[in-house]
């Protein structure tokens, strides 16, 4: 029996869950002919969203979140976050934008 499977993995937990489901299907399908085997049910639509890669966060998105927090009276906390990540918003490494937004939203 041959089953071709393509998997987009965003994190290790999703990979482990996919492998567990895949092995269960293989066990169930071991007595079936290739025409009867259907790997389509390995992933449910809810998990498919988890497997899609995250879109990169932009400087504009960071500014929007920080501005909203500043307007809500969290200006000094926002400044501390920016200082923690590089001192000046325009100089922060773009790979840290998502983390910065998560921390700002937690304020």
C-alpha atoms as a PDB file:
ATOM      1  CA  UNK A   1       0.000   0.000   0.000  1.00  0.00           C
ATOM      2  CA  UNK A   2       1.312   3.468  -0.887  1.00  0.00           C
ATOM      3  CA  UNK A   3      -0.018   6.679   0.613  1.00  0.00           C
ATOM      4  CA  UNK A   4       1.436  10.053  -0.330  1.00  0.00           C
ATOM      5  CA  UNK A   5       1.087  12.657   2.409  1.00  0.00           C
ATOM      6  CA  UNK A   6       2.063  16.318   2.367  1.00  0.00           C
ATOM      7  CA  UNK A   7       2.129  18.098   5.715  1.00  0.00           C
ATOM      8  CA  UNK A   8       2.822  21.740   6.568  1.00  0.00           C
ATOM      9  CA  UNK A   9       4.088  21.874  10.134  1.00  0.00           C
ATOM     10  CA  UNK A  10       4.052  25.054  12.176  1.00  0.00           C
ATOM     11  CA  UNK A  11       5.038  23.532  15.488  1.00  0.00           C
ATOM     12  CA  UNK A  12       6.209  20.310  17.028  1.00  0.00           C
ATOM     13  CA  UNK A  13       2.902  19.579  18.764  1.00  0.00           C
ATOM     14  CA  UNK A  14       1.058  19.673  15.439  1.00  0.00           C
ATOM     15  CA  UNK A  15       3.632  17.301  13.924  1.00  0.00           C
ATOM     16  CA  UNK A  16       3.240  14.820  16.774  1.00  0.00           C
ATOM     17  CA  UNK A  17      -0.565  14.899  16.514  1.00  0.00           C
ATOM     18  CA  UNK A  18      -0.380  14.403  12.744  1.00  0.00           C
ATOM     19  CA  UNK A  19       1.964  11.430  13.112  1.00  0.00           C
ATOM     20  CA  UNK A  20      -0.267   9.821  15.734  1.00  0.00           C
ATOM     21  CA  UNK A  21      -3.315  10.166  13.474  1.00  0.00           C
ATOM     22  CA  UNK A  22      -1.313   8.918  10.498  1.00  0.00           C
ATOM     23  CA  UNK A  23      -0.149   5.771  12.314  1.00  0.00           C
ATOM     24  CA  UNK A  24      -3.720   5.094  13.445  1.00  0.00           C
ATOM     25  CA  UNK A  25      -4.904   5.314   9.849  1.00  0.00           C
ATOM     26  CA  UNK A  26      -2.131   2.995   8.709  1.00  0.00           C
ATOM     27  CA  UNK A  27      -3.159   0.434  11.316  1.00  0.00           C
ATOM     28  CA  UNK A  28      -6.817   0.698  10.272  1.00  0.00           C
ATOM     29  CA  UNK A  29      -6.019   0.588   6.558  1.00  0.00           C
ATOM     30  CA  UNK A  30      -3.443  -2.208   6.602  1.00  0.00           C
ATOM     31  CA  UNK A  31      -6.021  -4.739   5.349  1.00  0.00           C
ATOM     32  CA  UNK A  32      -7.519  -2.476   2.687  1.00  0.00           C
ATOM     33  CA  UNK A  33      -6.492  -2.123  -0.915  1.00  0.00           C
ATOM     34  CA  UNK A  34      -4.859   1.179  -2.004  1.00  0.00           C
ATOM     35  CA  UNK A  35      -8.097   2.276  -3.667  1.00  0.00           C
ATOM     36  CA  UNK A  36      -9.927   1.959  -0.338  1.00  0.00           C
ATOM     37  CA  UNK A  37      -7.328   3.881   1.682  1.00  0.00           C
ATOM     38  CA  UNK A  38      -8.237   7.547   2.064  1.00  0.00           C
ATOM     39  CA  UNK A  39      -5.655   9.728   3.858  1.00  0.00           C
ATOM     40  CA  UNK A  40      -7.860  12.840   3.466  1.00  0.00           C
ATOM     41  CA  UNK A  41      -9.361  12.399   6.941  1.00  0.00           C
ATOM     42  CA  UNK A  42      -5.965  12.667   8.668  1.00  0.00           C
ATOM     43  CA  UNK A  43      -6.504  16.378   9.300  1.00  0.00           C
ATOM     44  CA  UNK A  44      -9.621  18.158  10.357  1.00  0.00           C
ATOM     45  CA  UNK A  45     -10.259  21.742   9.165  1.00  0.00           C
ATOM     46  CA  UNK A  46      -9.690  23.190  12.641  1.00  0.00           C
ATOM     47  CA  UNK A  47      -6.159  21.815  12.741  1.00  0.00           C
ATOM     48  CA  UNK A  48      -5.441  22.932   9.186  1.00  0.00           C
ATOM     49  CA  UNK A  49      -5.573  26.556  10.350  1.00  0.00           C
ATOM     50  CA  UNK A  50      -2.975  25.718  13.009  1.00  0.00           C
ATOM     51  CA  UNK A  51      -0.673  24.246  10.389  1.00  0.00           C
ATOM     52  CA  UNK A  52      -0.663  27.283   8.114  1.00  0.00           C
ATOM     53  CA  UNK A  53       2.422  29.451   8.551  1.00  0.00           C
ATOM     54  CA  UNK A  54       1.966  32.711  10.401  1.00  0.00           C
ATOM     55  CA  UNK A  55       2.099  35.859   8.326  1.00  0.00           C
ATOM     56  CA  UNK A  56       4.965  38.126   9.300  1.00  0.00           C
ATOM     57  CA  UNK A  57       4.053  40.995  11.597  1.00  0.00           C
ATOM     58  CA  UNK A  58       4.736  44.446  10.177  1.00  0.00           C
ATOM     59  CA  UNK A  59       6.013  47.613  11.816  1.00  0.00           C
ATOM     60  CA  UNK A  60       2.647  49.217  11.039  1.00  0.00           C
ATOM     61  CA  UNK A  61       0.856  46.521  13.070  1.00  0.00           C
ATOM     62  CA  UNK A  62       3.249  47.030  15.989  1.00  0.00           C
ATOM     63  CA  UNK A  63       2.720  50.799  15.900  1.00  0.00           C
ATOM     64  CA  UNK A  64      -1.072  50.305  15.839  1.00  0.00           C
ATOM     65  CA  UNK A  65      -1.055  48.074  18.936  1.00  0.00           C
ATOM     66  CA  UNK A  66       1.370  50.296  20.839  1.00  0.00           C
ATOM     67  CA  UNK A  67      -0.605  53.445  19.950  1.00  0.00           C
ATOM     68  CA  UNK A  68      -3.821  51.856  21.212  1.00  0.00           C
ATOM     69  CA  UNK A  69      -2.103  50.892  24.475  1.00  0.00           C
ATOM     70  CA  UNK A  70      -0.604  54.369  24.879  1.00  0.00           C
ATOM     71  CA  UNK A  71      -4.041  55.904  24.338  1.00  0.00           C
ATOM     72  CA  UNK A  72      -5.351  53.562  27.037  1.00  0.00           C
ATOM     73  CA  UNK A  73      -2.881  55.028  29.524  1.00  0.00           C
ATOM     74  CA  UNK A  74      -0.094  52.455  29.160  1.00  0.00           C
ATOM     75  CA  UNK A  75       2.488  54.822  27.637  1.00  0.00           C
ATOM     76  CA  UNK A  76       5.290  54.152  30.112  1.00  0.00           C
ATOM     77  CA  UNK A  77       4.790  50.380  29.842  1.00  0.00           C
ATOM     78  CA  UNK A  78       4.933  50.631  26.032  1.00  0.00           C
ATOM     79  CA  UNK A  79       8.143  52.628  26.231  1.00  0.00           C
ATOM     80  CA  UNK A  80       9.634  49.967  28.521  1.00  0.00           C
ATOM     81  CA  UNK A  81       8.722  47.248  26.019  1.00  0.00           C
ATOM     82  CA  UNK A  82      10.281  49.151  23.137  1.00  0.00           C
ATOM     83  CA  UNK A  83      13.414  49.793  25.219  1.00  0.00           C
ATOM     84  CA  UNK A  84      13.564  46.096  26.112  1.00  0.00           C
ATOM     85  CA  UNK A  85      13.502  45.110  22.425  1.00  0.00           C
ATOM     86  CA  UNK A  86      15.961  47.630  21.046  1.00  0.00           C
ATOM     87  CA  UNK A  87      15.350  51.125  22.298  1.00  0.00           C
ATOM     88  CA  UNK A  88      13.809  52.602  19.173  1.00  0.00           C
ATOM     89  CA  UNK A  89      10.814  51.107  17.385  1.00  0.00           C
ATOM     90  CA  UNK A  90      12.298  51.579  13.914  1.00  0.00           C
ATOM     91  CA  UNK A  91      15.475  49.741  15.009  1.00  0.00           C
ATOM     92  CA  UNK A  92      13.794  46.640  16.447  1.00  0.00           C
ATOM     93  CA  UNK A  93      14.498  43.394  14.601  1.00  0.00           C
ATOM     94  CA  UNK A  94      11.354  42.508  12.582  1.00  0.00           C
ATOM     95  CA  UNK A  95      11.574  38.917  13.837  1.00  0.00           C
ATOM     96  CA  UNK A  96      10.701  40.289  17.294  1.00  0.00           C
ATOM     97  CA  UNK A  97       7.546  42.130  16.174  1.00  0.00           C
ATOM     98  CA  UNK A  98       5.173  39.248  16.989  1.00  0.00           C
ATOM     99  CA  UNK A  99       6.662  38.872  20.468  1.00  0.00           C
ATOM    100  CA  UNK A 100       6.443  42.629  21.039  1.00  0.00           C
ATOM    101  CA  UNK A 101       2.778  42.653  20.038  1.00  0.00           C
ATOM    102  CA  UNK A 102       1.990  39.716  22.366  1.00  0.00           C
ATOM    103  CA  UNK A 103       3.678  41.513  25.262  1.00  0.00           C
ATOM    104  CA  UNK A 104       1.919  44.804  24.468  1.00  0.00           C
ATOM    105  CA  UNK A 105      -1.486  43.136  24.254  1.00  0.00           C
ATOM    106  CA  UNK A 106      -0.873  41.582  27.669  1.00  0.00           C
ATOM    107  CA  UNK A 107      -0.541  45.052  29.263  1.00  0.00           C
END
